[in-house]
Amino acid sequence: MHHAPAAPVGKDPAASYKSRLGIWMFLGYLVIYVVFVAINVARPLLMERIVWRGMNLATVYGFALIIIALLQALVYDALCRSRERALEKPQQEGAE
């Protein structure tokens, strides 16, 4: 049984944009994560400090990392879809 893609797959004109955007977003997240690890290595007792509504820095920072990753995924998707639509318009106008 051979299963083909549901939609025809061709060259993605937005591929270079998506790659650059993904790399920059990854590097931004990496900086935030490296700071988290550095605090844990250099000043582990700092992570015990209560910073917000009875939660310590480790908990707040950990949840922030998760939320930032989810927000980055939504921003990445929105920006990529926007670029794809912008690149489709000239092709559609040329076909008419």
N, C-alpha and C. Protein backbone atom coordinates (compact mmCIF):
# COMPACT_ATOMS: atom_id res chain seq x y z
N MET A 1 0.83 -1.17 0.00
CA MET A 1 0.00 0.00 0.00
C MET A 1 0.88 1.24 0.00
N HIS A 2 0.73 2.08 -1.01
CA HIS A 2 1.52 3.30 -1.11
C HIS A 2 0.63 4.50 -0.81
N HIS A 3 1.07 5.33 0.10
CA HIS A 3 0.31 6.52 0.46
C HIS A 3 1.06 7.75 -0.04
N ALA A 4 0.43 8.53 -0.84
CA ALA A 4 1.01 9.76 -1.37
C ALA A 4 0.56 10.93 -0.50
N PRO A 5 1.23 12.07 -0.61
CA PRO A 5 0.80 13.25 0.14
C PRO A 5 -0.63 13.64 -0.24
N ALA A 6 -1.36 14.21 0.71
CA ALA A 6 -2.74 14.61 0.47
C ALA A 6 -2.82 15.75 -0.53
N ALA A 7 -1.82 16.60 -0.55
CA ALA A 7 -1.79 17.73 -1.48
C ALA A 7 -0.50 17.64 -2.29
N PRO A 8 -0.54 18.14 -3.50
CA PRO A 8 0.69 18.12 -4.30
C PRO A 8 1.78 18.95 -3.64
N VAL A 9 2.98 18.42 -3.63
CA VAL A 9 4.09 19.10 -2.99
C VAL A 9 5.02 19.64 -4.07
N GLY A 10 5.30 20.92 -3.99
CA GLY A 10 6.20 21.55 -4.94
C GLY A 10 7.25 22.36 -4.21
N LYS A 11 7.96 23.18 -4.94
CA LYS A 11 8.99 24.03 -4.33
C LYS A 11 8.31 25.09 -3.48
N ASP A 12 8.82 25.30 -2.30
CA ASP A 12 8.27 26.29 -1.38
C ASP A 12 9.03 27.59 -1.56
N PRO A 13 8.40 28.61 -2.15
CA PRO A 13 9.11 29.88 -2.37
C PRO A 13 9.46 30.61 -1.07
N ALA A 14 8.82 30.25 0.03
CA ALA A 14 9.08 30.91 1.31
C ALA A 14 10.07 30.12 2.17
N ALA A 15 10.68 29.08 1.62
CA ALA A 15 11.54 28.20 2.43
C ALA A 15 12.72 28.94 3.04
N SER A 16 13.37 29.81 2.29
CA SER A 16 14.53 30.52 2.86
C SER A 16 14.09 31.46 3.98
N TYR A 17 12.94 32.13 3.79
CA TYR A 17 12.41 33.00 4.84
C TYR A 17 12.10 32.21 6.11
N LYS A 18 11.46 31.06 5.93
CA LYS A 18 11.09 30.22 7.07
C LYS A 18 12.33 29.73 7.80
N SER A 19 13.37 29.37 7.05
CA SER A 19 14.61 28.90 7.67
C SER A 19 15.26 30.00 8.49
N ARG A 20 15.40 31.18 7.90
CA ARG A 20 16.01 32.30 8.62
C ARG A 20 15.21 32.66 9.87
N LEU A 21 13.90 32.75 9.71
CA LEU A 21 13.04 33.08 10.85
C LEU A 21 13.17 32.04 11.95
N GLY A 22 13.14 30.77 11.57
CA GLY A 22 13.26 29.70 12.55
C GLY A 22 14.59 29.74 13.29
N ILE A 23 15.66 30.01 12.57
CA ILE A 23 16.98 30.09 13.21
C ILE A 23 17.03 31.25 14.19
N TRP A 24 16.53 32.42 13.78
CA TRP A 24 16.57 33.58 14.68
C TRP A 24 15.69 33.37 15.91
N MET A 25 14.54 32.75 15.72
CA MET A 25 13.68 32.49 16.87
C MET A 25 14.31 31.46 17.80
N PHE A 26 14.95 30.46 17.23
CA PHE A 26 15.65 29.47 18.04
C PHE A 26 16.77 30.12 18.84
N LEU A 27 17.54 30.99 18.19
CA LEU A 27 18.65 31.65 18.90
C LEU A 27 18.12 32.54 20.03
N GLY A 28 17.01 33.21 19.79
CA GLY A 28 16.40 34.03 20.85
C GLY A 28 15.98 33.18 22.04
N TYR A 29 15.35 32.05 21.75
CA TYR A 29 14.94 31.14 22.83
C TYR A 29 16.15 30.55 23.53
N LEU A 30 17.18 30.24 22.75
CA LEU A 30 18.40 29.67 23.32
C LEU A 30 19.03 30.61 24.34
N VAL A 31 19.05 31.90 24.05
CA VAL A 31 19.60 32.89 24.98
C VAL A 31 18.83 32.86 26.30
N ILE A 32 17.51 32.86 26.19
CA ILE A 32 16.67 32.84 27.40
C ILE A 32 16.93 31.55 28.20
N TYR A 33 17.05 30.43 27.50
CA TYR A 33 17.28 29.15 28.17
C TYR A 33 18.67 29.08 28.79
N VAL A 34 19.68 29.62 28.09
CA VAL A 34 21.05 29.62 28.63
C VAL A 34 21.11 30.45 29.92
N VAL A 35 20.38 31.54 29.97
CA VAL A 35 20.34 32.35 31.20
C VAL A 35 19.73 31.51 32.33
N PHE A 36 18.68 30.77 32.04
CA PHE A 36 18.05 29.90 33.04
C PHE A 36 19.06 28.88 33.57
N VAL A 37 19.78 28.23 32.68
CA VAL A 37 20.78 27.23 33.08
C VAL A 37 21.92 27.90 33.84
N ALA A 38 22.36 29.06 33.37
CA ALA A 38 23.46 29.77 34.03
C ALA A 38 23.10 30.14 35.47
N ILE A 39 21.87 30.59 35.68
CA ILE A 39 21.44 30.92 37.05
C ILE A 39 21.47 29.65 37.90
N ASN A 40 21.00 28.54 37.35
CA ASN A 40 21.01 27.28 38.10
C ASN A 40 22.42 26.82 38.44
N VAL A 41 23.37 27.07 37.55
CA VAL A 41 24.75 26.64 37.78
C VAL A 41 25.48 27.61 38.71
N ALA A 42 25.36 28.89 38.42
CA ALA A 42 26.14 29.89 39.15
C ALA A 42 25.54 30.26 40.51
N ARG A 43 24.23 30.40 40.57
CA ARG A 43 23.56 30.84 41.80
C ARG A 43 22.31 30.02 42.05
N PRO A 44 22.45 28.75 42.36
CA PRO A 44 21.27 27.89 42.51
C PRO A 44 20.31 28.34 43.62
N LEU A 45 20.82 28.95 44.64
CA LEU A 45 19.94 29.40 45.73
C LEU A 45 19.03 30.54 45.28
N LEU A 46 19.42 31.24 44.24
CA LEU A 46 18.59 32.32 43.70
C LEU A 46 17.26 31.76 43.17
N MET A 47 17.28 30.53 42.71
CA MET A 47 16.07 29.91 42.17
C MET A 47 15.03 29.64 43.25
N GLU A 48 15.46 29.65 44.52
CA GLU A 48 14.52 29.42 45.62
C GLU A 48 13.76 30.68 46.01
N ARG A 49 14.22 31.82 45.54
CA ARG A 49 13.62 33.10 45.93
C ARG A 49 12.18 33.19 45.43
N ILE A 50 11.28 33.59 46.31
CA ILE A 50 9.87 33.78 45.94
C ILE A 50 9.78 35.08 45.14
N VAL A 51 9.21 34.96 43.93
CA VAL A 51 9.17 36.13 43.05
C VAL A 51 7.76 36.55 42.66
N TRP A 52 6.79 35.62 42.69
CA TRP A 52 5.46 35.99 42.22
C TRP A 52 4.42 35.08 42.84
N ARG A 53 3.51 35.65 43.58
CA ARG A 53 2.38 34.95 44.18
C ARG A 53 2.76 33.64 44.87
N GLY A 54 3.83 33.68 45.61
CA GLY A 54 4.24 32.52 46.39
C GLY A 54 5.04 31.49 45.60
N MET A 55 5.32 31.75 44.34
CA MET A 55 6.10 30.80 43.54
C MET A 55 7.55 31.27 43.44
N ASN A 56 8.44 30.29 43.45
CA ASN A 56 9.85 30.64 43.39
C ASN A 56 10.28 30.91 41.94
N LEU A 57 11.49 31.45 41.80
CA LEU A 57 12.00 31.85 40.49
C LEU A 57 12.09 30.66 39.54
N ALA A 58 12.47 29.49 40.04
CA ALA A 58 12.59 28.31 39.19
C ALA A 58 11.25 27.96 38.54
N THR A 59 10.19 28.00 39.31
CA THR A 59 8.86 27.67 38.80
C THR A 59 8.39 28.71 37.80
N VAL A 60 8.51 29.97 38.15
CA VAL A 60 8.07 31.05 37.26
C VAL A 60 8.87 31.04 35.97
N TYR A 61 10.18 30.90 36.07
CA TYR A 61 11.03 30.89 34.89
C TYR A 61 10.71 29.67 34.02
N GLY A 62 10.50 28.52 34.65
CA GLY A 62 10.16 27.31 33.90
C GLY A 62 8.86 27.46 33.13
N PHE A 63 7.83 27.99 33.78
CA PHE A 63 6.57 28.22 33.08
C PHE A 63 6.74 29.26 31.98
N ALA A 64 7.56 30.28 32.26
CA ALA A 64 7.81 31.31 31.24
C ALA A 64 8.47 30.69 30.01
N LEU A 65 9.39 29.77 30.21
CA LEU A 65 10.03 29.10 29.07
C LEU A 65 8.99 28.35 28.22
N ILE A 66 8.08 27.69 28.86
CA ILE A 66 7.04 26.96 28.14
C ILE A 66 6.12 27.92 27.39
N ILE A 67 5.70 28.97 28.05
CA ILE A 67 4.80 29.95 27.42
C ILE A 67 5.50 30.65 26.26
N ILE A 68 6.76 31.00 26.43
CA ILE A 68 7.52 31.64 25.35
C ILE A 68 7.61 30.72 24.15
N ALA A 69 7.85 29.44 24.38
CA ALA A 69 7.93 28.48 23.26
C ALA A 69 6.59 28.41 22.52
N LEU A 70 5.49 28.36 23.25
CA LEU A 70 4.18 28.32 22.61
C LEU A 70 3.90 29.60 21.83
N LEU A 71 4.23 30.74 22.41
CA LEU A 71 4.03 32.01 21.72
C LEU A 71 4.90 32.11 20.46
N GLN A 72 6.13 31.63 20.57
CA GLN A 72 7.00 31.64 19.40
C GLN A 72 6.42 30.77 18.28
N ALA A 73 5.85 29.65 18.63
CA ALA A 73 5.24 28.78 17.62
C ALA A 73 4.09 29.50 16.92
N LEU A 74 3.27 30.21 17.67
CA LEU A 74 2.15 30.94 17.08
C LEU A 74 2.65 32.08 16.19
N VAL A 75 3.65 32.80 16.66
CA VAL A 75 4.22 33.91 15.87
C VAL A 75 4.87 33.37 14.60
N TYR A 76 5.61 32.28 14.72
CA TYR A 76 6.26 31.67 13.55
C TYR A 76 5.21 31.27 12.52
N ASP A 77 4.16 30.62 12.97
CA ASP A 77 3.10 30.18 12.06
C ASP A 77 2.45 31.38 11.37
N ALA A 78 2.13 32.42 12.13
CA ALA A 78 1.48 33.60 11.56
C ALA A 78 2.39 34.28 10.53
N LEU A 79 3.66 34.44 10.87
CA LEU A 79 4.59 35.10 9.94
C LEU A 79 4.81 34.27 8.68
N CYS A 80 4.92 32.97 8.83
CA CYS A 80 5.12 32.10 7.66
C CYS A 80 3.89 32.09 6.76
N ARG A 81 2.71 32.03 7.35
CA ARG A 81 1.48 32.07 6.54
C ARG A 81 1.36 33.39 5.81
N SER A 82 1.71 34.47 6.48
CA SER A 82 1.65 35.78 5.86
C SER A 82 2.61 35.87 4.67
N ARG A 83 3.81 35.35 4.84
CA ARG A 83 4.79 35.36 3.75
C ARG A 83 4.33 34.49 2.59
N GLU A 84 3.76 33.34 2.90
CA GLU A 84 3.26 32.46 1.84
C GLU A 84 2.15 33.13 1.04
N ARG A 85 1.23 33.80 1.74
CA ARG A 85 0.16 34.51 1.03
C ARG A 85 0.72 35.62 0.16
N ALA A 86 1.69 36.36 0.68
CA ALA A 86 2.29 37.45 -0.10
C ALA A 86 3.00 36.91 -1.34
N LEU A 87 3.62 35.77 -1.24
CA LEU A 87 4.32 35.19 -2.39
C LEU A 87 3.36 34.52 -3.37
N GLU A 88 2.19 34.12 -2.91
CA GLU A 88 1.20 33.50 -3.81
C GLU A 88 0.53 34.53 -4.70
N LYS A 89 0.34 35.77 -4.22
CA LYS A 89 -0.36 36.79 -4.99
C LYS A 89 0.27 37.04 -6.35
N PRO A 90 1.59 37.26 -6.44
CA PRO A 90 2.17 37.48 -7.78
C PRO A 90 1.98 36.28 -8.71
N GLN A 91 2.02 35.07 -8.18
CA GLN A 91 1.85 33.88 -9.01
C GLN A 91 0.40 33.81 -9.51
N GLN A 92 -0.56 34.14 -8.65
CA GLN A 92 -1.96 34.09 -9.05
C GLN A 92 -2.26 35.18 -10.09
N GLU A 93 -1.65 36.36 -9.92
CA GLU A 93 -1.87 37.45 -10.87
C GLU A 93 -1.26 37.10 -12.23
N GLY A 94 -0.14 36.40 -12.23
CA GLY A 94 0.51 36.00 -13.47
C GLY A 94 -0.26 34.93 -14.20
N ALA A 95 -1.01 34.11 -13.47
CA ALA A 95 -1.78 33.02 -14.06
C ALA A 95 -3.06 33.52 -14.70
N GLU A 96 -3.51 34.70 -14.30
CA GLU A 96 -4.78 35.23 -14.82
C GLU A 96 -4.63 35.88 -16.15
